[in-house]
Amino acid sequence: GGVCLITDAPPFRAVDLFQAVIMDWETRNHDEPYFSISCASNWAKELRDLGFVDVAEHGLGERNAYPYVTVATKPS
């Protein structure tokens, strides 16, 4: 059992199209090879698939986007 807390940039689905394009451009031009893959992923779904419960996700910053937090609990 335990708690998983992921805090990172928001997923593409949580931002408008323009912001998603800017985030992807920064990925390609600032040597962050896994950033776009991470932003395209659905970490809440992945955690549920791994047996975590009480999965919640939300943005904390400006426009509810950054930092983006996903928290989940895994029963003992």
PDB file of N, CA and C in Angstrom:
ATOM      1  N   GLY A   1       0.823  -1.188   0.000  1.00  0.00           N
ATOM      2  CA  GLY A   1       0.000   0.000   0.000  1.00  0.00           C
ATOM      3  C   GLY A   1       0.864   1.247   0.000  1.00  0.00           C
ATOM      4  N   GLY A   2       0.252   2.348  -0.298  1.00  0.00           N
ATOM      5  CA  GLY A   2       0.966   3.616  -0.285  1.00  0.00           C
ATOM      6  C   GLY A   2       0.256   4.667  -1.112  1.00  0.00           C
ATOM      7  N   VAL A   3       0.904   5.798  -1.218  1.00  0.00           N
ATOM      8  CA  VAL A   3       0.367   6.924  -1.971  1.00  0.00           C
ATOM      9  C   VAL A   3       1.358   7.295  -3.061  1.00  0.00           C
ATOM     10  N   CYS A   4       0.836   7.557  -4.243  1.00  0.00           N
ATOM     11  CA  CYS A   4       1.657   8.022  -5.367  1.00  0.00           C
ATOM     12  C   CYS A   4       1.253   9.457  -5.677  1.00  0.00           C
ATOM     13  N   LEU A   5       2.225  10.333  -5.789  1.00  0.00           N
ATOM     14  CA  LEU A   5       1.976  11.727  -6.126  1.00  0.00           C
ATOM     15  C   LEU A   5       2.856  12.086  -7.312  1.00  0.00           C
ATOM     16  N   ILE A   6       2.213  12.485  -8.383  1.00  0.00           N
ATOM     17  CA  ILE A   6       2.932  12.913  -9.592  1.00  0.00           C
ATOM     18  C   ILE A   6       2.630  14.392  -9.777  1.00  0.00           C
ATOM     19  N   THR A   7       3.657  15.198  -9.906  1.00  0.00           N
ATOM     20  CA  THR A   7       3.466  16.609 -10.198  1.00  0.00           C
ATOM     21  C   THR A   7       4.380  16.970 -11.366  1.00  0.00           C
ATOM     22  N   ASP A   8       3.774  17.485 -12.408  1.00  0.00           N
ATOM     23  CA  ASP A   8       4.511  17.757 -13.636  1.00  0.00           C
ATOM     24  C   ASP A   8       3.738  18.793 -14.439  1.00  0.00           C
ATOM     25  N   ALA A   9       4.151  18.958 -15.654  1.00  0.00           N
ATOM     26  CA  ALA A   9       3.409  19.833 -16.557  1.00  0.00           C
ATOM     27  C   ALA A   9       2.042  19.222 -16.833  1.00  0.00           C
ATOM     28  N   PRO A  10       1.071  20.041 -17.213  1.00  0.00           N
ATOM     29  CA  PRO A  10      -0.262  19.505 -17.471  1.00  0.00           C
ATOM     30  C   PRO A  10      -0.281  18.618 -18.713  1.00  0.00           C
ATOM     31  N   PRO A  11      -1.203  17.673 -18.753  1.00  0.00           N
ATOM     32  CA  PRO A  11      -1.354  16.882 -19.973  1.00  0.00           C
ATOM     33  C   PRO A  11      -1.926  17.771 -21.081  1.00  0.00           C
ATOM     34  N   PHE A  12      -1.680  17.386 -22.298  1.00  0.00           N
ATOM     35  CA  PHE A  12      -2.195  18.171 -23.429  1.00  0.00           C
ATOM     36  C   PHE A  12      -3.708  18.353 -23.343  1.00  0.00           C
ATOM     37  N   ARG A  13      -4.423  17.343 -22.824  1.00  0.00           N
ATOM     38  CA  ARG A  13      -5.885  17.428 -22.758  1.00  0.00           C
ATOM     39  C   ARG A  13      -6.366  18.474 -21.756  1.00  0.00           C
ATOM     40  N   ALA A  14      -5.472  18.976 -20.884  1.00  0.00           N
ATOM     41  CA  ALA A  14      -5.864  19.961 -19.879  1.00  0.00           C
ATOM     42  C   ALA A  14      -5.578  21.402 -20.290  1.00  0.00           C
ATOM     43  N   VAL A  15      -4.976  21.578 -21.449  1.00  0.00           N
ATOM     44  CA  VAL A  15      -4.657  22.931 -21.914  1.00  0.00           C
ATOM     45  C   VAL A  15      -5.288  23.161 -23.285  1.00  0.00           C
ATOM     46  N   ASP A  16      -5.353  24.426 -23.686  1.00  0.00           N
ATOM     47  CA  ASP A  16      -5.904  24.704 -25.013  1.00  0.00           C
ATOM     48  C   ASP A  16      -4.902  24.295 -26.098  1.00  0.00           C
ATOM     49  N   LEU A  17      -5.378  24.234 -27.312  1.00  0.00           N
ATOM     50  CA  LEU A  17      -4.559  23.749 -28.428  1.00  0.00           C
ATOM     51  C   LEU A  17      -3.286  24.572 -28.598  1.00  0.00           C
ATOM     52  N   PHE A  18      -3.373  25.889 -28.486  1.00  0.00           N
ATOM     53  CA  PHE A  18      -2.199  26.740 -28.652  1.00  0.00           C
ATOM     54  C   PHE A  18      -1.126  26.388 -27.607  1.00  0.00           C
ATOM     55  N   GLN A  19      -1.543  26.254 -26.356  1.00  0.00           N
ATOM     56  CA  GLN A  19      -0.590  25.915 -25.300  1.00  0.00           C
ATOM     57  C   GLN A  19       0.024  24.544 -25.537  1.00  0.00           C
ATOM     58  N   ALA A  20      -0.761  23.586 -25.997  1.00  0.00           N
ATOM     59  CA  ALA A  20      -0.234  22.247 -26.288  1.00  0.00           C
ATOM     60  C   ALA A  20       0.828  22.311 -27.388  1.00  0.00           C
ATOM     61  N   VAL A  21       0.593  23.107 -28.402  1.00  0.00           N
ATOM     62  CA  VAL A  21       1.572  23.252 -29.489  1.00  0.00           C
ATOM     63  C   VAL A  21       2.862  23.879 -28.954  1.00  0.00           C
ATOM     64  N   ILE A  22       2.738  24.906 -28.117  1.00  0.00           N
ATOM     65  CA  ILE A  22       3.917  25.549 -27.532  1.00  0.00           C
ATOM     66  C   ILE A  22       4.690  24.555 -26.666  1.00  0.00           C
ATOM     67  N   MET A  23       3.975  23.784 -25.849  1.00  0.00           N
ATOM     68  CA  MET A  23       4.639  22.791 -25.000  1.00  0.00           C
ATOM     69  C   MET A  23       5.372  21.751 -25.849  1.00  0.00           C
ATOM     70  N   ASP A  24       4.737  21.306 -26.923  1.00  0.00           N
ATOM     71  CA  ASP A  24       5.377  20.321 -27.791  1.00  0.00           C
ATOM     72  C   ASP A  24       6.599  20.922 -28.484  1.00  0.00           C
ATOM     73  N   TRP A  25       6.501  22.172 -28.927  1.00  0.00           N
ATOM     74  CA  TRP A  25       7.637  22.840 -29.570  1.00  0.00           C
ATOM     75  C   TRP A  25       8.810  22.925 -28.594  1.00  0.00           C
ATOM     76  N   GLU A  26       8.525  23.307 -27.343  1.00  0.00           N
ATOM     77  CA  GLU A  26       9.594  23.402 -26.353  1.00  0.00           C
ATOM     78  C   GLU A  26      10.251  22.041 -26.124  1.00  0.00           C
ATOM     79  N   THR A  27       9.456  21.000 -26.153  1.00  0.00           N
ATOM     80  CA  THR A  27       9.988  19.649 -25.999  1.00  0.00           C
ATOM     81  C   THR A  27      11.002  19.348 -27.089  1.00  0.00           C
ATOM     82  N   ARG A  28      10.641  19.630 -28.309  1.00  0.00           N
ATOM     83  CA  ARG A  28      11.494  19.306 -29.447  1.00  0.00           C
ATOM     84  C   ARG A  28      12.735  20.186 -29.524  1.00  0.00           C
ATOM     85  N   ASN A  29      12.673  21.367 -28.935  1.00  0.00           N
ATOM     86  CA  ASN A  29      13.775  22.315 -29.073  1.00  0.00           C
ATOM     87  C   ASN A  29      14.591  22.537 -27.796  1.00  0.00           C
ATOM     88  N   HIS A  30      14.269  21.849 -26.741  1.00  0.00           N
ATOM     89  CA  HIS A  30      15.017  22.000 -25.485  1.00  0.00           C
ATOM     90  C   HIS A  30      15.474  20.659 -24.925  1.00  0.00           C
ATOM     91  N   ASP A  31      15.673  19.693 -25.796  1.00  0.00           N
ATOM     92  CA  ASP A  31      16.221  18.392 -25.403  1.00  0.00           C
ATOM     93  C   ASP A  31      15.470  17.721 -24.244  1.00  0.00           C
ATOM     94  N   GLU A  32      14.159  17.665 -24.353  1.00  0.00           N
ATOM     95  CA  GLU A  32      13.321  16.948 -23.388  1.00  0.00           C
ATOM     96  C   GLU A  32      12.610  15.836 -24.148  1.00  0.00           C
ATOM     97  N   PRO A  33      13.301  14.747 -24.473  1.00  0.00           N
ATOM     98  CA  PRO A  33      12.758  13.750 -25.394  1.00  0.00           C
ATOM     99  C   PRO A  33      11.496  13.030 -24.918  1.00  0.00           C
ATOM    100  N   TYR A  34      11.209  13.019 -23.619  1.00  0.00           N
ATOM    101  CA  TYR A  34      10.050  12.274 -23.129  1.00  0.00           C
ATOM    102  C   TYR A  34       8.902  13.162 -22.683  1.00  0.00           C
ATOM    103  N   PHE A  35       9.088  14.471 -22.758  1.00  0.00           N
ATOM    104  CA  PHE A  35       8.093  15.407 -22.258  1.00  0.00           C
ATOM    105  C   PHE A  35       6.767  15.282 -23.002  1.00  0.00           C
ATOM    106  N   SER A  36       6.774  15.279 -24.321  1.00  0.00           N
ATOM    107  CA  SER A  36       5.526  15.190 -25.086  1.00  0.00           C
ATOM    108  C   SER A  36       4.826  13.863 -24.847  1.00  0.00           C
ATOM    109  N   ILE A  37       5.593  12.785 -24.715  1.00  0.00           N
ATOM    110  CA  ILE A  37       4.996  11.481 -24.426  1.00  0.00           C
ATOM    111  C   ILE A  37       4.296  11.527 -23.070  1.00  0.00           C
ATOM    112  N   SER A  38       4.943  12.147 -22.095  1.00  0.00           N
ATOM    113  CA  SER A  38       4.346  12.266 -20.768  1.00  0.00           C
ATOM    114  C   SER A  38       3.075  13.107 -20.818  1.00  0.00           C
ATOM    115  N   CYS A  39       3.110  14.210 -21.553  1.00  0.00           N
ATOM    116  CA  CYS A  39       1.940  15.085 -21.647  1.00  0.00           C
ATOM    117  C   CYS A  39       0.788  14.446 -22.426  1.00  0.00           C
ATOM    118  N   ALA A  40       1.109  13.508 -23.281  1.00  0.00           N
ATOM    119  CA  ALA A  40       0.066  12.813 -24.046  1.00  0.00           C
ATOM    120  C   ALA A  40      -0.508  11.627 -23.264  1.00  0.00           C
ATOM    121  N   SER A  41       0.146  11.260 -22.171  1.00  0.00           N
ATOM    122  CA  SER A  41      -0.289  10.107 -21.378  1.00  0.00           C
ATOM    123  C   SER A  41      -1.431  10.490 -20.439  1.00  0.00           C
ATOM    124  N   ASN A  42      -2.171   9.470 -20.015  1.00  0.00           N
ATOM    125  CA  ASN A  42      -3.223   9.659 -19.032  1.00  0.00           C
ATOM    126  C   ASN A  42      -2.783   8.924 -17.763  1.00  0.00           C
ATOM    127  N   TRP A  43      -2.061   9.640 -16.892  1.00  0.00           N
ATOM    128  CA  TRP A  43      -1.492   9.019 -15.704  1.00  0.00           C
ATOM    129  C   TRP A  43      -2.551   8.526 -14.743  1.00  0.00           C
ATOM    130  N   ALA A  44      -3.690   9.193 -14.666  1.00  0.00           N
ATOM    131  CA  ALA A  44      -4.767   8.717 -13.792  1.00  0.00           C
ATOM    132  C   ALA A  44      -5.238   7.337 -14.238  1.00  0.00           C
ATOM    133  N   LYS A  45      -5.412   7.148 -15.528  1.00  0.00           N
ATOM    134  CA  LYS A  45      -5.823   5.845 -16.056  1.00  0.00           C
ATOM    135  C   LYS A  45      -4.746   4.796 -15.790  1.00  0.00           C
ATOM    136  N   GLU A  46      -3.489   5.155 -16.014  1.00  0.00           N
ATOM    137  CA  GLU A  46      -2.389   4.213 -15.782  1.00  0.00           C
ATOM    138  C   GLU A  46      -2.362   3.769 -14.318  1.00  0.00           C
ATOM    139  N   LEU A  47      -2.546   4.708 -13.400  1.00  0.00           N
ATOM    140  CA  LEU A  47      -2.535   4.366 -11.982  1.00  0.00           C
ATOM    141  C   LEU A  47      -3.715   3.460 -11.624  1.00  0.00           C
ATOM    142  N   ARG A  48      -4.893   3.760 -12.177  1.00  0.00           N
ATOM    143  CA  ARG A  48      -6.049   2.884 -11.937  1.00  0.00           C
ATOM    144  C   ARG A  48      -5.774   1.475 -12.462  1.00  0.00           C
ATOM    145  N   ASP A  49      -5.188   1.389 -13.646  1.00  0.00           N
ATOM    146  CA  ASP A  49      -4.866   0.085 -14.232  1.00  0.00           C
ATOM    147  C   ASP A  49      -3.870  -0.693 -13.365  1.00  0.00           C
ATOM    148  N   LEU A  50      -3.059   0.011 -12.580  1.00  0.00           N
ATOM    149  CA  LEU A  50      -2.074  -0.632 -11.703  1.00  0.00           C
ATOM    150  C   LEU A  50      -2.638  -0.945 -10.314  1.00  0.00           C
ATOM    151  N   GLY A  51      -3.935  -0.681 -10.122  1.00  0.00           N
ATOM    152  CA  GLY A  51      -4.579  -1.031  -8.859  1.00  0.00           C
ATOM    153  C   GLY A  51      -4.696   0.105  -7.860  1.00  0.00           C
ATOM    154  N   PHE A  52      -4.348   1.323  -8.250  1.00  0.00           N
ATOM    155  CA  PHE A  52      -4.511   2.458  -7.351  1.00  0.00           C
ATOM    156  C   PHE A  52      -5.982   2.870  -7.314  1.00  0.00           C
ATOM    157  N   VAL A  53      -6.408   3.414  -6.177  1.00  0.00           N
ATOM    158  CA  VAL A  53      -7.777   3.882  -6.003  1.00  0.00           C
ATOM    159  C   VAL A  53      -7.751   5.339  -5.563  1.00  0.00           C
ATOM    160  N   ASP A  54      -8.917   5.933  -5.464  1.00  0.00           N
ATOM    161  CA  ASP A  54      -9.025   7.341  -5.064  1.00  0.00           C
ATOM    162  C   ASP A  54      -8.086   8.212  -5.889  1.00  0.00           C
ATOM    163  N   VAL A  55      -8.097   8.005  -7.183  1.00  0.00           N
ATOM    164  CA  VAL A  55      -7.222   8.746  -8.089  1.00  0.00           C
ATOM    165  C   VAL A  55      -7.864  10.109  -8.370  1.00  0.00           C
ATOM    166  N   ALA A  56      -7.086  11.154  -8.187  1.00  0.00           N
ATOM    167  CA  ALA A  56      -7.558  12.518  -8.455  1.00  0.00           C
ATOM    168  C   ALA A  56      -6.464  13.269  -9.192  1.00  0.00           C
ATOM    169  N   GLU A  57      -6.876  14.180 -10.064  1.00  0.00           N
ATOM    170  CA  GLU A  57      -5.904  14.998 -10.787  1.00  0.00           C
ATOM    171  C   GLU A  57      -6.462  16.390 -10.996  1.00  0.00           C
ATOM    172  N   HIS A  58      -5.587  17.379 -10.919  1.00  0.00           N
ATOM    173  CA  HIS A  58      -6.001  18.765 -11.116  1.00  0.00           C
ATOM    174  C   HIS A  58      -4.773  19.654 -11.209  1.00  0.00           C
ATOM    175  N   GLY A  59      -4.979  20.791 -11.823  1.00  0.00           N
ATOM    176  CA  GLY A  59      -3.917  21.780 -11.895  1.00  0.00           C
ATOM    177  C   GLY A  59      -3.967  22.688 -10.685  1.00  0.00           C
ATOM    178  N   LEU A  60      -2.828  23.204 -10.283  1.00  0.00           N
ATOM    179  CA  LEU A  60      -2.760  24.078  -9.121  1.00  0.00           C
ATOM    180  C   LEU A  60      -2.465  25.524  -9.473  1.00  0.00           C
ATOM    181  N   GLY A  61      -1.879  25.743 -10.606  1.00  0.00           N
ATOM    182  CA  GLY A  61      -1.404  27.077 -10.937  1.00  0.00           C
ATOM    183  C   GLY A  61      -2.372  27.895 -11.756  1.00  0.00           C
ATOM    184  N   GLU A  62      -1.811  28.877 -12.417  1.00  0.00           N
ATOM    185  CA  GLU A  62      -2.574  29.787 -13.254  1.00  0.00           C
ATOM    186  C   GLU A  62      -3.385  29.022 -14.287  1.00  0.00           C
ATOM    187  N   ARG A  63      -4.624  29.387 -14.450  1.00  0.00           N
ATOM    188  CA  ARG A  63      -5.561  28.738 -15.385  1.00  0.00           C
ATOM    189  C   ARG A  63      -5.695  27.240 -15.103  1.00  0.00           C
ATOM    190  N   ASN A  64      -5.459  26.845 -13.835  1.00  0.00           N
ATOM    191  CA  ASN A  64      -5.651  25.461 -13.407  1.00  0.00           C
ATOM    192  C   ASN A  64      -4.793  24.488 -14.204  1.00  0.00           C
ATOM    193  N   ALA A  65      -3.579  24.895 -14.554  1.00  0.00           N
ATOM    194  CA  ALA A  65      -2.767  24.041 -15.412  1.00  0.00           C
ATOM    195  C   ALA A  65      -1.454  23.591 -14.760  1.00  0.00           C
ATOM    196  N   TYR A  66      -0.597  24.516 -14.343  1.00  0.00           N
ATOM    197  CA  TYR A  66       0.735  24.117 -13.888  1.00  0.00           C
ATOM    198  C   TYR A  66       0.987  24.611 -12.480  1.00  0.00           C
ATOM    199  N   PRO A  67       1.496  23.816 -11.581  1.00  0.00           N
ATOM    200  CA  PRO A  67       1.807  22.404 -11.787  1.00  0.00           C
ATOM    201  C   PRO A  67       0.540  21.561 -11.785  1.00  0.00           C
ATOM    202  N   TYR A  68       0.587  20.482 -12.491  1.00  0.00           N
ATOM    203  CA  TYR A  68      -0.537  19.555 -12.593  1.00  0.00           C
ATOM    204  C   TYR A  68      -0.244  18.382 -11.662  1.00  0.00           C
ATOM    205  N   VAL A  69      -1.188  18.044 -10.816  1.00  0.00           N
ATOM    206  CA  VAL A  69      -0.976  17.039  -9.778  1.00  0.00           C
ATOM    207  C   VAL A  69      -1.910  15.851  -9.994  1.00  0.00           C
ATOM    208  N   THR A  70      -1.338  14.654  -9.910  1.00  0.00           N
ATOM    209  CA  THR A  70      -2.116  13.417  -9.903  1.00  0.00           C
ATOM    210  C   THR A  70      -1.741  12.681  -8.626  1.00  0.00           C
ATOM    211  N   VAL A  71      -2.748  12.312  -7.841  1.00  0.00           N
ATOM    212  CA  VAL A  71      -2.499  11.618  -6.582  1.00  0.00           C
ATOM    213  C   VAL A  71      -3.401  10.393  -6.519  1.00  0.00           C
ATOM    214  N   ALA A  72      -2.857   9.287  -5.995  1.00  0.00           N
ATOM    215  CA  ALA A  72      -3.614   8.044  -5.922  1.00  0.00           C
ATOM    216  C   ALA A  72      -3.137   7.228  -4.735  1.00  0.00           C
ATOM    217  N   THR A  73      -4.004   6.359  -4.243  1.00  0.00           N
ATOM    218  CA  THR A  73      -3.690   5.496  -3.110  1.00  0.00           C
ATOM    219  C   THR A  73      -3.744   4.050  -3.555  1.00  0.00           C
ATOM    220  N   LYS A  74      -2.796   3.268  -3.072  1.00  0.00           N
ATOM    221  CA  LYS A  74      -2.815   1.817  -3.355  1.00  0.00           C
ATOM    222  C   LYS A  74      -3.095   1.103  -2.036  1.00  0.00           C
ATOM    223  N   PRO A  75      -4.174   0.317  -2.016  1.00  0.00           N
ATOM    224  CA  PRO A  75      -4.515  -0.390  -0.778  1.00  0.00           C
ATOM    225  C   PRO A  75      -3.428  -1.391  -0.387  1.00  0.00           C
ATOM    226  N   SER A  76      -3.352  -1.661   0.902  1.00  0.00           N
ATOM    227  CA  SER A  76      -2.385  -2.649   1.417  1.00  0.00           C
ATOM    228  C   SER A  76      -2.781  -4.049   1.026  1.00  0.00           C
TER     229      SER A  76
END
